[in-house]
Amino acid sequence: SVIVSGAGAVAERAGLLPVNGYYSAWYYVPAVVTATQYWLC
């Protein structure tokens, strides 16, 4: 996922997913972002 300010790039699963469920993903962040309002992951 490559983004610039105000952008989004995501994959999703949606629908009647388990009401009691676990959601897991592994992340690799190559470099520190020095300042941001938020970087949603």
PDB file of all heavy atoms in Angstrom:
ATOM      1  N   SER A   1       0.851  -1.188   0.000  1.00  0.00           N
ATOM      2  CA  SER A   1       0.000   0.000   0.000  1.00  0.00           C
ATOM      3  C   SER A   1       0.887   1.238   0.000  1.00  0.00           C
ATOM      4  O   SER A   1       1.698   1.424   0.912  1.00  0.00           O
ATOM      5  CB  SER A   1      -0.907   0.000   1.240  1.00  0.00           C
ATOM      6  OG  SER A   1      -1.597   1.230   1.361  1.00  0.00           O
ATOM      7  N   VAL A   2       0.747   2.069  -1.031  1.00  0.00           N
ATOM      8  CA  VAL A   2       1.512   3.316  -1.153  1.00  0.00           C
ATOM      9  C   VAL A   2       0.522   4.473  -1.163  1.00  0.00           C
ATOM     10  O   VAL A   2      -0.420   4.492  -1.964  1.00  0.00           O
ATOM     11  CB  VAL A   2       2.354   3.343  -2.447  1.00  0.00           C
ATOM     12  CG1 VAL A   2       3.182   4.617  -2.516  1.00  0.00           C
ATOM     13  CG2 VAL A   2       3.246   2.113  -2.538  1.00  0.00           C
ATOM     14  N   ILE A   3       0.729   5.427  -0.262  1.00  0.00           N
ATOM     15  CA  ILE A   3      -0.230   6.520  -0.133  1.00  0.00           C
ATOM     16  C   ILE A   3       0.487   7.861  -0.029  1.00  0.00           C
ATOM     17  O   ILE A   3       1.654   7.939   0.342  1.00  0.00           O
ATOM     18  CB  ILE A   3      -1.142   6.328   1.106  1.00  0.00           C
ATOM     19  CG1 ILE A   3      -0.297   6.067   2.350  1.00  0.00           C
ATOM     20  CG2 ILE A   3      -2.147   5.226   0.875  1.00  0.00           C
ATOM     21  CD1 ILE A   3      -1.110   5.975   3.614  1.00  0.00           C
ATOM     22  N   VAL A   4      -0.251   8.910  -0.377  1.00  0.00           N
ATOM     23  CA  VAL A   4       0.157  10.285  -0.157  1.00  0.00           C
ATOM     24  C   VAL A   4      -0.887  10.934   0.745  1.00  0.00           C
ATOM     25  O   VAL A   4      -1.912  10.323   1.056  1.00  0.00           O
ATOM     26  CB  VAL A   4       0.279  11.053  -1.489  1.00  0.00           C
ATOM     27  CG1 VAL A   4       1.369  10.450  -2.362  1.00  0.00           C
ATOM     28  CG2 VAL A   4      -1.062  11.052  -2.241  1.00  0.00           C
ATOM     29  N   SER A   5      -0.622  12.152   1.203  1.00  0.00           N
ATOM     30  CA  SER A   5      -1.556  12.810   2.115  1.00  0.00           C
ATOM     31  C   SER A   5      -2.952  12.888   1.497  1.00  0.00           C
ATOM     32  O   SER A   5      -3.122  13.302   0.349  1.00  0.00           O
ATOM     33  CB  SER A   5      -1.060  14.219   2.429  1.00  0.00           C
ATOM     34  OG  SER A   5      -1.887  14.831   3.392  1.00  0.00           O
ATOM     35  N   GLY A   6      -3.940  12.446   2.262  1.00  0.00           N
ATOM     36  CA  GLY A   6      -5.316  12.453   1.802  1.00  0.00           C
ATOM     37  C   GLY A   6      -5.711  11.278   0.943  1.00  0.00           C
ATOM     38  O   GLY A   6      -6.805  11.266   0.371  1.00  0.00           O
ATOM     39  N   ALA A   7      -4.845  10.268   0.845  1.00  0.00           N
ATOM     40  CA  ALA A   7      -5.103   9.125  -0.030  1.00  0.00           C
ATOM     41  C   ALA A   7      -5.397   7.870   0.769  1.00  0.00           C
ATOM     42  O   ALA A   7      -5.155   7.795   1.980  1.00  0.00           O
ATOM     43  CB  ALA A   7      -3.901   8.888  -0.950  1.00  0.00           C
ATOM     44  N   GLY A   8      -5.900   6.849   0.072  1.00  0.00           N
ATOM     45  CA  GLY A   8      -6.142   5.547   0.674  1.00  0.00           C
ATOM     46  C   GLY A   8      -5.833   4.440  -0.313  1.00  0.00           C
ATOM     47  O   GLY A   8      -5.983   4.618  -1.526  1.00  0.00           O
ATOM     48  N   ALA A   9      -5.386   3.286   0.203  1.00  0.00           N
ATOM     49  CA  ALA A   9      -5.126   2.105  -0.631  1.00  0.00           C
ATOM     50  C   ALA A   9      -5.271   0.890   0.272  1.00  0.00           C
ATOM     51  O   ALA A   9      -4.371   0.575   1.046  1.00  0.00           O
ATOM     52  CB  ALA A   9      -3.735   2.170  -1.251  1.00  0.00           C
ATOM     53  N   VAL A  10      -6.426   0.210   0.223  1.00  0.00           N
ATOM     54  CA  VAL A  10      -6.711  -0.864   1.165  1.00  0.00           C
ATOM     55  C   VAL A  10      -7.362  -2.057   0.474  1.00  0.00           C
ATOM     56  O   VAL A  10      -7.920  -1.948  -0.617  1.00  0.00           O
ATOM     57  CB  VAL A  10      -7.643  -0.390   2.316  1.00  0.00           C
ATOM     58  CG1 VAL A  10      -7.077   0.816   3.026  1.00  0.00           C
ATOM     59  CG2 VAL A  10      -9.038  -0.110   1.807  1.00  0.00           C
ATOM     60  N   ALA A  11      -7.288  -3.190   1.162  1.00  0.00           N
ATOM     61  CA  ALA A  11      -8.053  -4.388   0.817  1.00  0.00           C
ATOM     62  C   ALA A  11      -8.998  -4.671   1.972  1.00  0.00           C
ATOM     63  O   ALA A  11      -8.699  -4.347   3.126  1.00  0.00           O
ATOM     64  CB  ALA A  11      -7.117  -5.578   0.589  1.00  0.00           C
ATOM     65  N   GLU A  12     -10.148  -5.280   1.673  1.00  0.00           N
ATOM     66  CA  GLU A  12     -11.120  -5.509   2.742  1.00  0.00           C
ATOM     67  C   GLU A  12     -11.873  -6.807   2.551  1.00  0.00           C
ATOM     68  O   GLU A  12     -11.997  -7.342   1.452  1.00  0.00           O
ATOM     69  CB  GLU A  12     -12.123  -4.351   2.819  1.00  0.00           C
ATOM     70  CG  GLU A  12     -13.138  -4.328   1.691  1.00  0.00           C
ATOM     71  CD  GLU A  12     -14.236  -3.312   1.918  1.00  0.00           C
ATOM     72  OE1 GLU A  12     -14.014  -2.354   2.670  1.00  0.00           O
ATOM     73  OE2 GLU A  12     -15.317  -3.485   1.323  1.00  0.00           O
ATOM     74  N   ARG A  13     -12.367  -7.307   3.682  1.00  0.00           N
ATOM     75  CA  ARG A  13     -13.366  -8.366   3.728  1.00  0.00           C
ATOM     76  C   ARG A  13     -14.604  -7.758   4.363  1.00  0.00           C
ATOM     77  O   ARG A  13     -14.505  -6.939   5.285  1.00  0.00           O
ATOM     78  CB  ARG A  13     -12.875  -9.560   4.554  1.00  0.00           C
ATOM     79  CG  ARG A  13     -11.686 -10.267   3.945  1.00  0.00           C
ATOM     80  CD  ARG A  13     -12.057 -11.047   2.684  1.00  0.00           C
ATOM     81  NE  ARG A  13     -12.863 -12.237   2.976  1.00  0.00           N
ATOM     82  CZ  ARG A  13     -13.432 -12.992   2.030  1.00  0.00           C
ATOM     83  NH1 ARG A  13     -13.317 -12.672   0.749  1.00  0.00           N
ATOM     84  NH2 ARG A  13     -14.115 -14.067   2.362  1.00  0.00           N
ATOM     85  N   ALA A  14     -15.784  -8.134   3.869  1.00  0.00           N
ATOM     86  CA  ALA A  14     -16.992  -7.459   4.325  1.00  0.00           C
ATOM     87  C   ALA A  14     -18.194  -8.382   4.254  1.00  0.00           C
ATOM     88  O   ALA A  14     -18.242  -9.309   3.452  1.00  0.00           O
ATOM     89  CB  ALA A  14     -17.249  -6.211   3.486  1.00  0.00           C
ATOM     90  N   GLY A  15     -19.178  -8.114   5.095  1.00  0.00           N
ATOM     91  CA  GLY A  15     -20.429  -8.845   5.099  1.00  0.00           C
ATOM     92  C   GLY A  15     -20.786  -9.336   6.487  1.00  0.00           C
ATOM     93  O   GLY A  15     -20.497  -8.692   7.492  1.00  0.00           O
ATOM     94  N   LEU A  16     -21.420 -10.499   6.542  1.00  0.00           N
ATOM     95  CA  LEU A  16     -21.775 -11.104   7.817  1.00  0.00           C
ATOM     96  C   LEU A  16     -20.589 -11.918   8.310  1.00  0.00           C
ATOM     97  O   LEU A  16     -20.613 -13.146   8.358  1.00  0.00           O
ATOM     98  CB  LEU A  16     -23.034 -11.960   7.679  1.00  0.00           C
ATOM     99  CG  LEU A  16     -24.319 -11.179   7.408  1.00  0.00           C
ATOM    100  CD1 LEU A  16     -25.492 -12.128   7.243  1.00  0.00           C
ATOM    101  CD2 LEU A  16     -24.603 -10.193   8.540  1.00  0.00           C
ATOM    102  N   LEU A  17     -19.531 -11.226   8.680  1.00  0.00           N
ATOM    103  CA  LEU A  17     -18.352 -11.847   9.261  1.00  0.00           C
ATOM    104  C   LEU A  17     -18.679 -12.260  10.698  1.00  0.00           C
ATOM    105  O   LEU A  17     -19.708 -11.855  11.244  1.00  0.00           O
ATOM    106  CB  LEU A  17     -17.174 -10.873   9.187  1.00  0.00           C
ATOM    107  CG  LEU A  17     -16.846 -10.347   7.786  1.00  0.00           C
ATOM    108  CD1 LEU A  17     -15.630  -9.433   7.821  1.00  0.00           C
ATOM    109  CD2 LEU A  17     -16.637 -11.478   6.801  1.00  0.00           C
ATOM    110  N   PRO A  18     -17.840 -13.047  11.360  1.00  0.00           N
ATOM    111  CA  PRO A  18     -18.225 -13.564  12.682  1.00  0.00           C
ATOM    112  C   PRO A  18     -18.469 -12.451  13.694  1.00  0.00           C
ATOM    113  O   PRO A  18     -17.657 -11.533  13.834  1.00  0.00           O
ATOM    114  CB  PRO A  18     -17.035 -14.438  13.083  1.00  0.00           C
ATOM    115  CG  PRO A  18     -15.918 -14.016  12.209  1.00  0.00           C
ATOM    116  CD  PRO A  18     -16.534 -13.567  10.936  1.00  0.00           C
ATOM    117  N   VAL A  19     -19.588 -12.536  14.387  1.00  0.00           N
ATOM    118  CA  VAL A  19     -19.909 -11.548  15.431  1.00  0.00           C
ATOM    119  C   VAL A  19     -18.868 -11.598  16.534  1.00  0.00           C
ATOM    120  O   VAL A  19     -18.516 -10.569  17.128  1.00  0.00           O
ATOM    121  CB  VAL A  19     -21.319 -11.799  15.985  1.00  0.00           C
ATOM    122  CG1 VAL A  19     -21.609 -10.908  17.189  1.00  0.00           C
ATOM    123  CG2 VAL A  19     -22.353 -11.547  14.886  1.00  0.00           C
ATOM    124  N   ASN A  20     -18.367 -12.794  16.843  1.00  0.00           N
ATOM    125  CA  ASN A  20     -17.245 -12.959  17.760  1.00  0.00           C
ATOM    126  C   ASN A  20     -16.080 -13.526  16.942  1.00  0.00           C
ATOM    127  O   ASN A  20     -16.034 -14.730  16.675  1.00  0.00           O
ATOM    128  CB  ASN A  20     -17.598 -13.928  18.895  1.00  0.00           C
ATOM    129  CG  ASN A  20     -18.664 -13.369  19.808  1.00  0.00           C
ATOM    130  OD1 ASN A  20     -18.393 -12.554  20.671  1.00  0.00           O
ATOM    131  ND2 ASN A  20     -19.903 -13.804  19.602  1.00  0.00           N
ATOM    132  N   GLY A  21     -15.178 -12.652  16.515  1.00  0.00           N
ATOM    133  CA  GLY A  21     -14.132 -13.100  15.613  1.00  0.00           C
ATOM    134  C   GLY A  21     -12.803 -12.424  15.868  1.00  0.00           C
ATOM    135  O   GLY A  21     -12.724 -11.369  16.507  1.00  0.00           O
ATOM    136  N   TYR A  22     -11.758 -13.054  15.350  1.00  0.00           N
ATOM    137  CA  TYR A  22     -10.392 -12.537  15.444  1.00  0.00           C
ATOM    138  C   TYR A  22      -9.925 -12.158  14.037  1.00  0.00           C
ATOM    139  O   TYR A  22     -10.116 -12.933  13.075  1.00  0.00           O
ATOM    140  CB  TYR A  22      -9.458 -13.584  16.041  1.00  0.00           C
ATOM    141  CG  TYR A  22      -9.743 -13.877  17.497  1.00  0.00           C
ATOM    142  CD1 TYR A  22     -10.738 -14.779  17.856  1.00  0.00           C
ATOM    143  CD2 TYR A  22      -9.026 -13.249  18.507  1.00  0.00           C
ATOM    144  CE1 TYR A  22     -11.016 -15.052  19.194  1.00  0.00           C
ATOM    145  CE2 TYR A  22      -9.280 -13.520  19.842  1.00  0.00           C
ATOM    146  CZ  TYR A  22     -10.281 -14.410  20.176  1.00  0.00           C
ATOM    147  OH  TYR A  22     -10.550 -14.672  21.510  1.00  0.00           O
ATOM    148  N   TYR A  23      -9.307 -11.009  13.937  1.00  0.00           N
ATOM    149  CA  TYR A  23      -8.864 -10.448  12.671  1.00  0.00           C
ATOM    150  C   TYR A  23      -7.369 -10.153  12.799  1.00  0.00           C
ATOM    151  O   TYR A  23      -6.952  -9.375  13.665  1.00  0.00           O
ATOM    152  CB  TYR A  23      -9.647  -9.174  12.351  1.00  0.00           C
ATOM    153  CG  TYR A  23     -11.131  -9.426  12.207  1.00  0.00           C
ATOM    154  CD1 TYR A  23     -11.942  -9.588  13.334  1.00  0.00           C
ATOM    155  CD2 TYR A  23     -11.716  -9.544  10.952  1.00  0.00           C
ATOM    156  CE1 TYR A  23     -13.296  -9.848  13.216  1.00  0.00           C
ATOM    157  CE2 TYR A  23     -13.070  -9.808  10.821  1.00  0.00           C
ATOM    158  CZ  TYR A  23     -13.855  -9.950  11.953  1.00  0.00           C
ATOM    159  OH  TYR A  23     -15.205 -10.221  11.818  1.00  0.00           O
ATOM    160  N   SER A  24      -6.576 -10.788  11.952  1.00  0.00           N
ATOM    161  CA  SER A  24      -5.125 -10.745  12.114  1.00  0.00           C
ATOM    162  C   SER A  24      -4.450 -10.417  10.798  1.00  0.00           C
ATOM    163  O   SER A  24      -4.864 -10.903   9.737  1.00  0.00           O
ATOM    164  CB  SER A  24      -4.624 -12.103  12.630  1.00  0.00           C
ATOM    165  OG  SER A  24      -3.212 -12.172  12.580  1.00  0.00           O
ATOM    166  N   ALA A  25      -3.393  -9.603  10.846  1.00  0.00           N
ATOM    167  CA  ALA A  25      -2.576  -9.329   9.672  1.00  0.00           C
ATOM    168  C   ALA A  25      -1.167  -8.966  10.134  1.00  0.00           C
ATOM    169  O   ALA A  25      -0.969  -8.438  11.229  1.00  0.00           O
ATOM    170  CB  ALA A  25      -3.167  -8.199   8.835  1.00  0.00           C
ATOM    171  N   TRP A  26      -0.210  -9.269   9.282  1.00  0.00           N
ATOM    172  CA  TRP A  26       1.197  -8.954   9.538  1.00  0.00           C
ATOM    173  C   TRP A  26       1.599  -7.757   8.695  1.00  0.00           C
ATOM    174  O   TRP A  26       1.229  -7.650   7.523  1.00  0.00           O
ATOM    175  CB  TRP A  26       2.072 -10.158   9.222  1.00  0.00           C
ATOM    176  CG  TRP A  26       1.959 -11.244  10.257  1.00  0.00           C
ATOM    177  CD1 TRP A  26       0.979 -12.193  10.350  1.00  0.00           C
ATOM    178  CD2 TRP A  26       2.837 -11.471  11.351  1.00  0.00           C
ATOM    179  NE1 TRP A  26       1.198 -13.002  11.433  1.00  0.00           N
ATOM    180  CE2 TRP A  26       2.343 -12.587  12.074  1.00  0.00           C
ATOM    181  CE3 TRP A  26       4.011 -10.853  11.786  1.00  0.00           C
ATOM    182  CZ2 TRP A  26       2.976 -13.087  13.209  1.00  0.00           C
ATOM    183  CZ3 TRP A  26       4.647 -11.348  12.917  1.00  0.00           C
ATOM    184  CH2 TRP A  26       4.127 -12.447  13.612  1.00  0.00           C
ATOM    185  N   TYR A  27       2.403  -6.874   9.300  1.00  0.00           N
ATOM    186  CA  TYR A  27       2.777  -5.600   8.681  1.00  0.00           C
ATOM    187  C   TYR A  27       4.294  -5.440   8.641  1.00  0.00           C
ATOM    188  O   TYR A  27       5.002  -5.890   9.546  1.00  0.00           O
ATOM    189  CB  TYR A  27       2.191  -4.424   9.484  1.00  0.00           C
ATOM    190  CG  TYR A  27       0.699  -4.292   9.356  1.00  0.00           C
ATOM    191  CD1 TYR A  27      -0.156  -5.118  10.082  1.00  0.00           C
ATOM    192  CD2 TYR A  27       0.127  -3.343   8.515  1.00  0.00           C
ATOM    193  CE1 TYR A  27      -1.534  -5.005   9.963  1.00  0.00           C
ATOM    194  CE2 TYR A  27      -1.241  -3.220   8.389  1.00  0.00           C
ATOM    195  CZ  TYR A  27      -2.063  -4.055   9.109  1.00  0.00           C
ATOM    196  OH  TYR A  27      -3.418  -3.946   8.980  1.00  0.00           O
ATOM    197  N   TYR A  28       4.730  -4.755   7.594  1.00  0.00           N
ATOM    198  CA  TYR A  28       6.135  -4.348   7.470  1.00  0.00           C
ATOM    199  C   TYR A  28       6.150  -2.880   7.078  1.00  0.00           C
ATOM    200  O   TYR A  28       5.629  -2.502   6.020  1.00  0.00           O
ATOM    201  CB  TYR A  28       6.837  -5.197   6.412  1.00  0.00           C
ATOM    202  CG  TYR A  28       8.328  -4.970   6.319  1.00  0.00           C
ATOM    203  CD1 TYR A  28       9.232  -5.805   6.975  1.00  0.00           C
ATOM    204  CD2 TYR A  28       8.854  -3.926   5.551  1.00  0.00           C
ATOM    205  CE1 TYR A  28      10.601  -5.616   6.883  1.00  0.00           C
ATOM    206  CE2 TYR A  28      10.222  -3.727   5.450  1.00  0.00           C
ATOM    207  CZ  TYR A  28      11.093  -4.574   6.121  1.00  0.00           C
ATOM    208  OH  TYR A  28      12.446  -4.378   6.029  1.00  0.00           O
ATOM    209  N   VAL A  29       6.730  -2.039   7.947  1.00  0.00           N
ATOM    210  CA  VAL A  29       6.842  -0.600   7.697  1.00  0.00           C
ATOM    211  C   VAL A  29       8.315  -0.306   7.424  1.00  0.00           C
ATOM    212  O   VAL A  29       9.138  -0.389   8.342  1.00  0.00           O
ATOM    213  CB  VAL A  29       6.330   0.215   8.897  1.00  0.00           C
ATOM    214  CG1 VAL A  29       6.470   1.710   8.631  1.00  0.00           C
ATOM    215  CG2 VAL A  29       4.868  -0.138   9.199  1.00  0.00           C
ATOM    216  N   PRO A  30       8.686   0.025   6.198  1.00  0.00           N
ATOM    217  CA  PRO A  30      10.105   0.167   5.873  1.00  0.00           C
ATOM    218  C   PRO A  30      10.796   1.335   6.552  1.00  0.00           C
ATOM    219  O   PRO A  30      11.997   1.255   6.845  1.00  0.00           O
ATOM    220  CB  PRO A  30      10.108   0.357   4.350  1.00  0.00           C
ATOM    221  CG  PRO A  30       8.794  -0.181   3.891  1.00  0.00           C
ATOM    222  CD  PRO A  30       7.837   0.088   5.008  1.00  0.00           C
ATOM    223  N   ALA A  31      10.068   2.447   6.802  1.00  0.00           N
ATOM    224  CA  ALA A  31      10.724   3.651   7.318  1.00  0.00           C
ATOM    225  C   ALA A  31       9.770   4.444   8.193  1.00  0.00           C
ATOM    226  O   ALA A  31       8.543   4.376   8.034  1.00  0.00           O
ATOM    227  CB  ALA A  31      11.212   4.523   6.165  1.00  0.00           C
ATOM    228  N   VAL A  32      10.337   5.206   9.111  1.00  0.00           N
ATOM    229  CA  VAL A  32       9.554   6.062  10.008  1.00  0.00           C
ATOM    230  C   VAL A  32       8.960   7.222   9.227  1.00  0.00           C
ATOM    231  O   VAL A  32       9.611   7.808   8.356  1.00  0.00           O
ATOM    232  CB  VAL A  32      10.438   6.598  11.144  1.00  0.00           C
ATOM    233  CG1 VAL A  32       9.696   7.635  11.971  1.00  0.00           C
ATOM    234  CG2 VAL A  32      10.904   5.453  12.031  1.00  0.00           C
ATOM    235  N   VAL A  33       7.719   7.527   9.508  1.00  0.00           N
ATOM    236  CA  VAL A  33       7.115   8.777   9.050  1.00  0.00           C
ATOM    237  C   VAL A  33       7.276   9.786  10.168  1.00  0.00           C
ATOM    238  O   VAL A  33       6.893   9.528  11.318  1.00  0.00           O
ATOM    239  CB  VAL A  33       5.628   8.562   8.686  1.00  0.00           C
ATOM    240  CG1 VAL A  33       4.941   9.890   8.467  1.00  0.00           C
ATOM    241  CG2 VAL A  33       5.512   7.692   7.454  1.00  0.00           C
ATOM    242  N   THR A  34       7.868  10.935   9.879  1.00  0.00           N
ATOM    243  CA  THR A  34       8.268  11.859  10.945  1.00  0.00           C
ATOM    244  C   THR A  34       7.111  12.659  11.517  1.00  0.00           C
ATOM    245  O   THR A  34       7.174  13.092  12.671  1.00  0.00           O
ATOM    246  CB  THR A  34       9.346  12.819  10.438  1.00  0.00           C
ATOM    247  OG1 THR A  34       8.854  13.514   9.274  1.00  0.00           O
ATOM    248  CG2 THR A  34      10.609  12.062  10.057  1.00  0.00           C
ATOM    249  N   ALA A  35       6.072  12.888  10.728  1.00  0.00           N
ATOM    250  CA  ALA A  35       4.924  13.638  11.250  1.00  0.00           C
ATOM    251  C   ALA A  35       3.680  13.284  10.453  1.00  0.00           C
ATOM    252  O   ALA A  35       3.721  13.203   9.226  1.00  0.00           O
ATOM    253  CB  ALA A  35       5.180  15.148  11.170  1.00  0.00           C
ATOM    254  N   THR A  36       2.583  13.070  11.144  1.00  0.00           N
ATOM    255  CA  THR A  36       1.318  12.770  10.479  1.00  0.00           C
ATOM    256  C   THR A  36       0.162  12.992  11.439  1.00  0.00           C
ATOM    257  O   THR A  36       0.292  12.804  12.656  1.00  0.00           O
ATOM    258  CB  THR A  36       1.284  11.316   9.965  1.00  0.00           C
ATOM    259  OG1 THR A  36       0.055  11.100   9.276  1.00  0.00           O
ATOM    260  CG2 THR A  36       1.393  10.308  11.077  1.00  0.00           C
ATOM    261  N   GLN A  37      -0.978  13.423  10.901  1.00  0.00           N
ATOM    262  CA  GLN A  37      -2.193  13.452  11.716  1.00  0.00           C
ATOM    263  C   GLN A  37      -2.609  12.020  12.052  1.00  0.00           C
ATOM    264  O   GLN A  37      -2.923  11.713  13.191  1.00  0.00           O
ATOM    265  CB  GLN A  37      -3.314  14.181  10.969  1.00  0.00           C
ATOM    266  CG  GLN A  37      -3.064  15.661  10.782  1.00  0.00           C
ATOM    267  CD  GLN A  37      -4.197  16.346  10.050  1.00  0.00           C
ATOM    268  OE1 GLN A  37      -5.290  15.783   9.871  1.00  0.00           O
ATOM    269  NE2 GLN A  37      -3.963  17.566   9.600  1.00  0.00           N
ATOM    270  N   TYR A  38      -2.628  11.187  11.038  1.00  0.00           N
ATOM    271  CA  TYR A  38      -2.820   9.755  11.259  1.00  0.00           C
ATOM    272  C   TYR A  38      -2.408   9.011   9.998  1.00  0.00           C
ATOM    273  O   TYR A  38      -2.507   9.525   8.885  1.00  0.00           O
ATOM    274  CB  TYR A  38      -4.271   9.409  11.625  1.00  0.00           C
ATOM    275  CG  TYR A  38      -5.292   9.784  10.586  1.00  0.00           C
ATOM    276  CD1 TYR A  38      -5.598   8.927   9.533  1.00  0.00           C
ATOM    277  CD2 TYR A  38      -5.975  11.000  10.660  1.00  0.00           C
ATOM    278  CE1 TYR A  38      -6.539   9.268   8.579  1.00  0.00           C
ATOM    279  CE2 TYR A  38      -6.918  11.349   9.708  1.00  0.00           C
ATOM    280  CZ  TYR A  38      -7.193  10.488   8.670  1.00  0.00           C
ATOM    281  OH  TYR A  38      -8.116  10.835   7.718  1.00  0.00           O
ATOM    282  N   TRP A  39      -1.906   7.809  10.192  1.00  0.00           N
ATOM    283  CA  TRP A  39      -1.629   6.860   9.109  1.00  0.00           C
ATOM    284  C   TRP A  39      -2.364   5.586   9.505  1.00  0.00           C
ATOM    285  O   TRP A  39      -1.883   4.783  10.289  1.00  0.00           O
ATOM    286  CB  TRP A  39      -0.129   6.644   8.972  1.00  0.00           C
ATOM    287  CG  TRP A  39       0.297   5.719   7.863  1.00  0.00           C
ATOM    288  CD1 TRP A  39      -0.485   5.154   6.891  1.00  0.00           C
ATOM    289  CD2 TRP A  39       1.627   5.263   7.607  1.00  0.00           C
ATOM    290  NE1 TRP A  39       0.277   4.378   6.053  1.00  0.00           N
ATOM    291  CE2 TRP A  39       1.579   4.421   6.460  1.00  0.00           C
ATOM    292  CE3 TRP A  39       2.861   5.475   8.248  1.00  0.00           C
ATOM    293  CZ2 TRP A  39       2.707   3.792   5.958  1.00  0.00           C
ATOM    294  CZ3 TRP A  39       3.982   4.844   7.721  1.00  0.00           C
ATOM    295  CH2 TRP A  39       3.907   4.030   6.593  1.00  0.00           C
ATOM    296  N   LEU A  40      -3.559   5.455   8.983  1.00  0.00           N
ATOM    297  CA  LEU A  40      -4.432   4.331   9.332  1.00  0.00           C
ATOM    298  C   LEU A  40      -3.917   3.059   8.664  1.00  0.00           C
ATOM    299  O   LEU A  40      -3.548   3.072   7.493  1.00  0.00           O
ATOM    300  CB  LEU A  40      -5.850   4.653   8.867  1.00  0.00           C
ATOM    301  CG  LEU A  40      -6.968   3.685   9.211  1.00  0.00           C
ATOM    302  CD1 LEU A  40      -8.282   4.459   9.274  1.00  0.00           C
ATOM    303  CD2 LEU A  40      -7.091   2.558   8.198  1.00  0.00           C
ATOM    304  N   CYS A  41      -3.918   1.945   9.422  1.00  0.00           N
ATOM    305  CA  CYS A  41      -3.414   0.688   8.875  1.00  0.00           C
ATOM    306  C   CYS A  41      -4.389  -0.484   9.011  1.00  0.00           C
ATOM    307  O   CYS A  41      -4.240  -1.494   8.322  1.00  0.00           O
ATOM    308  CB  CYS A  41      -2.087   0.315   9.547  1.00  0.00           C
ATOM    309  SG  CYS A  41      -2.206   0.055  11.336  1.00  0.00           S
TER     310      CYS A  41
END
